[in-house]
C-alpha atoms as a PDB file:
ATOM      1  CA  MET A   1      24.253  94.851 191.734  1.00  0.00           C
ATOM      2  CA  THR A   2      22.426  93.238 188.823  1.00  0.00           C
ATOM      3  CA  ALA A   3      24.061  93.171 185.418  1.00  0.00           C
ATOM      4  CA  ASP A   4      21.301  95.265 183.801  1.00  0.00           C
ATOM      5  CA  THR A   5      21.675  98.347 185.962  1.00  0.00           C
ATOM      6  CA  ALA A   6      24.011 101.285 186.145  1.00  0.00           C
ATOM      7  CA  GLU A   7      26.204 101.771 189.168  1.00  0.00           C
ATOM      8  CA  ILE A   8      24.281 103.208 192.097  1.00  0.00           C
ATOM      9  CA  ASP A   9      25.552 106.574 193.305  1.00  0.00           C
ATOM     10  CA  ALA A  10      24.162 106.689 196.837  1.00  0.00           C
ATOM     11  CA  ASP A  11      25.365 110.232 197.514  1.00  0.00           C
ATOM     12  CA  THR A  12      23.560 111.638 194.457  1.00  0.00           C
ATOM     13  CA  ILE A  13      20.401 109.715 195.319  1.00  0.00           C
ATOM     14  CA  ARG A  14      20.541 110.958 198.904  1.00  0.00           C
ATOM     15  CA  ARG A  15      21.035 114.594 197.829  1.00  0.00           C
ATOM     16  CA  THR A  16      18.086 114.313 195.441  1.00  0.00           C
ATOM     17  CA  TYR A  17      15.582 112.991 197.960  1.00  0.00           C
ATOM     18  CA  GLN A  18      16.846 115.370 200.640  1.00  0.00           C
ATOM     19  CA  ALA A  19      16.270 118.315 198.292  1.00  0.00           C
ATOM     20  CA  VAL A  20      12.581 117.396 198.352  1.00  0.00           C
ATOM     21  CA  LEU A  21      12.204 116.205 201.928  1.00  0.00           C
ATOM     22  CA  TYR A  22      14.092 119.086 203.504  1.00  0.00           C
ATOM     23  CA  ALA A  23      13.014 121.913 201.200  1.00  0.00           C
ATOM     24  CA  SER A  24      12.175 124.999 203.221  1.00  0.00           C
ATOM     25  CA  GLY A  25       9.193 126.380 201.382  1.00  0.00           C
ATOM     26  CA  ALA A  26       7.747 125.798 197.951  1.00  0.00           C
ATOM     27  CA  LEU A  27      10.097 124.875 195.141  1.00  0.00           C
ATOM     28  CA  PRO A  28       9.629 126.475 191.713  1.00  0.00           C
ATOM     29  CA  ALA A  29       7.556 124.315 189.335  1.00  0.00           C
ATOM     30  CA  GLU A  30      10.487 123.562 187.015  1.00  0.00           C
ATOM     31  CA  LYS A  31      12.697 122.473 189.934  1.00  0.00           C
ATOM     32  CA  ARG A  32       9.898 120.243 191.311  1.00  0.00           C
ATOM     33  CA  LYS A  33       9.517 118.568 187.907  1.00  0.00           C
ATOM     34  CA  GLN A  34      13.274 118.077 187.585  1.00  0.00           C
ATOM     35  CA  LEU A  35      13.500 116.513 191.060  1.00  0.00           C
ATOM     36  CA  ARG A  36      10.454 114.291 190.405  1.00  0.00           C
ATOM     37  CA  ASP A  37      12.051 112.996 187.204  1.00  0.00           C
ATOM     38  CA  LEU A  38      15.343 112.318 188.983  1.00  0.00           C
ATOM     39  CA  LEU A  39      13.583 110.563 191.859  1.00  0.00           C
ATOM     40  CA  ARG A  40      11.566 108.399 189.460  1.00  0.00           C
ATOM     41  CA  GLY A  41      14.821 107.329 187.811  1.00  0.00           C
ATOM     42  CA  HIS A  42      16.434 106.595 191.168  1.00  0.00           C
ATOM     43  CA  VAL A  43      13.463 104.472 192.243  1.00  0.00           C
ATOM     44  CA  GLN A  44      13.571 102.603 188.914  1.00  0.00           C
ATOM     45  CA  LEU A  45      17.280 101.951 189.430  1.00  0.00           C
ATOM     46  CA  LEU A  46      17.017 100.843 193.067  1.00  0.00           C
ATOM     47  CA  LEU A  47      13.864  98.726 192.808  1.00  0.00           C
ATOM     48  CA  PRO A  48      15.344  95.679 191.012  1.00  0.00           C
ATOM     49  CA  GLU A  49      18.432  95.793 193.218  1.00  0.00           C
ATOM     50  CA  VAL A  50      16.405  95.678 196.422  1.00  0.00           C
ATOM     51  CA  ALA A  51      14.004  93.101 194.982  1.00  0.00           C
ATOM     52  CA  ALA A  52      16.996  90.842 194.227  1.00  0.00           C
ATOM     53  CA  TYR A  53      17.916  90.861 197.928  1.00  0.00           C
ATOM     54  CA  LYS A  54      14.410  89.986 199.123  1.00  0.00           C
ATOM     55  CA  PRO A  55      14.584  86.156 198.779  1.00  0.00           C
ATOM     56  CA  ARG A  56      17.737  86.124 200.906  1.00  0.00           C
ATOM     57  CA  MET A  57      16.459  88.469 203.600  1.00  0.00           C
ATOM     58  CA  ARG A  58      15.055  87.323 206.903  1.00  0.00           C
ATOM     59  CA  GLY A  59      12.048  88.192 209.024  1.00  0.00           C
ATOM     60  CA  GLU A  60      11.147  91.846 209.341  1.00  0.00           C
ATOM     61  CA  TYR A  61      13.667  92.898 206.688  1.00  0.00           C
ATOM     62  CA  GLN A  62      11.915  90.691 204.149  1.00  0.00           C
ATOM     63  CA  ARG A  63       8.444  91.912 205.178  1.00  0.00           C
ATOM     64  CA  THR A  64       9.577  95.538 205.016  1.00  0.00           C
ATOM     65  CA  THR A  65      11.123  94.965 201.596  1.00  0.00           C
ATOM     66  CA  ALA A  66       7.885  93.419 200.335  1.00  0.00           C
ATOM     67  CA  HIS A  67       5.944  96.464 201.508  1.00  0.00           C
ATOM     68  CA  VAL A  68       8.422  99.003 200.112  1.00  0.00           C
ATOM     69  CA  THR A  69       8.793  97.307 196.711  1.00  0.00           C
ATOM     70  CA  THR A  70       5.029  96.899 196.324  1.00  0.00           C
ATOM     71  CA  ARG A  71       4.502 100.567 197.156  1.00  0.00           C
ATOM     72  CA  ALA A  72       7.303 101.604 194.773  1.00  0.00           C
ATOM     73  CA  HIS A  73       5.747  99.608 191.894  1.00  0.00           C
ATOM     74  CA  ARG A  74       2.375 101.273 192.521  1.00  0.00           C
ATOM     75  CA  LEU A  75       3.972 104.690 192.676  1.00  0.00           C
ATOM     76  CA  LEU A  76       5.866 104.169 189.412  1.00  0.00           C
ATOM     77  CA  ALA A  77       2.612 103.108 187.748  1.00  0.00           C
ATOM     78  CA  LYS A  78       1.197 106.572 188.462  1.00  0.00           C
ATOM     79  CA  LYS A  79       2.125 108.989 185.688  1.00  0.00           C
ATOM     80  CA  ASP A  80       1.839 111.994 188.000  1.00  0.00           C
ATOM     81  CA  ALA A  81       3.458 110.550 191.121  1.00  0.00           C
ATOM     82  CA  ASP A  82       4.007 113.101 193.864  1.00  0.00           C
ATOM     83  CA  GLY A  83       7.615 114.196 194.433  1.00  0.00           C
ATOM     84  CA  TRP A  84       7.281 113.803 198.201  1.00  0.00           C
ATOM     85  CA  GLU A  85       6.089 110.201 197.845  1.00  0.00           C
ATOM     86  CA  LEU A  86       8.885 109.431 195.382  1.00  0.00           C
ATOM     87  CA  ALA A  87      11.418 110.887 197.817  1.00  0.00           C
ATOM     88  CA  ILE A  88      10.081 108.738 200.670  1.00  0.00           C
ATOM     89  CA  GLN A  89      10.220 105.569 198.540  1.00  0.00           C
ATOM     90  CA  CYS A  90      13.653 106.469 197.234  1.00  0.00           C
ATOM     91  CA  ARG A  91      14.947 106.898 200.798  1.00  0.00           C
ATOM     92  CA  ALA A  92      13.421 103.562 201.852  1.00  0.00           C
ATOM     93  CA  LEU A  93      14.854 101.712 198.846  1.00  0.00           C
ATOM     94  CA  LEU A  94      18.322 103.190 199.316  1.00  0.00           C
ATOM     95  CA  THR A  95      18.275 102.248 202.999  1.00  0.00           C
ATOM     96  CA  LEU A  96      17.276  98.655 202.178  1.00  0.00           C
ATOM     97  CA  TYR A  97      19.880  98.510 199.408  1.00  0.00           C
ATOM     98  CA  GLN A  98      22.661  99.674 201.712  1.00  0.00           C
ATOM     99  CA  HIS A  99      21.456  97.821 204.833  1.00  0.00           C
ATOM    100  CA  PRO A 100      19.596  94.657 203.805  1.00  0.00           C
ATOM    101  CA  GLY A 101      20.203  93.020 207.173  1.00  0.00           C
ATOM    102  CA  PRO A 102      21.586  89.517 207.552  1.00  0.00           C
ATOM    103  CA  LEU A 103      21.252  87.652 204.264  1.00  0.00           C
ATOM    104  CA  ASP A 104      20.618  83.942 203.984  1.00  0.00           C
ATOM    105  CA  GLU A 105      23.737  82.418 202.430  1.00  0.00           C
ATOM    106  CA  GLN A 106      21.942  79.219 201.351  1.00  0.00           C
ATOM    107  CA  SER A 107      19.756  81.160 198.919  1.00  0.00           C
ATOM    108  CA  ALA A 108      22.837  82.844 197.481  1.00  0.00           C
ATOM    109  CA  GLU A 109      24.419  79.440 196.825  1.00  0.00           C
ATOM    110  CA  ASP A 110      21.185  78.215 195.218  1.00  0.00           C
ATOM    111  CA  ASP A 111      21.173  81.267 192.912  1.00  0.00           C
ATOM    112  CA  VAL A 112      24.742  80.570 191.783  1.00  0.00           C
ATOM    113  CA  THR A 113      23.974  76.886 191.178  1.00  0.00           C
ATOM    114  CA  GLU A 114      20.877  77.734 189.125  1.00  0.00           C
ATOM    115  CA  SER A 115      22.746  80.292 187.001  1.00  0.00           C
ATOM    116  CA  ARG A 116      25.409  77.679 186.139  1.00  0.00           C
ATOM    117  CA  SER A 117      22.778  75.172 184.945  1.00  0.00           C
END
């Protein structure tokens, strides 16, 4: 976790995106807005964390992370981002955060060396 971010509560994030993805029927307008705002915050919290892993990831994990983070940046740039799209990106970012795949240890050592300089 980066020093600038709050602790990530995966269970809360998961419940939030599931409330949108698994809603049976239309949600009231106020509830949709509340969930959209929460999801936007979750994406903003997860995005730098996942992006920090990217240089150390390998192969398909790194390519997937590039796609997901690019899409998340574009989505956050939209003032009226759709709740469904935010939920999908939130789920993808949380999955990559929790399961980044095998990480390259050499890059981690380089990061520590650079931060000490």
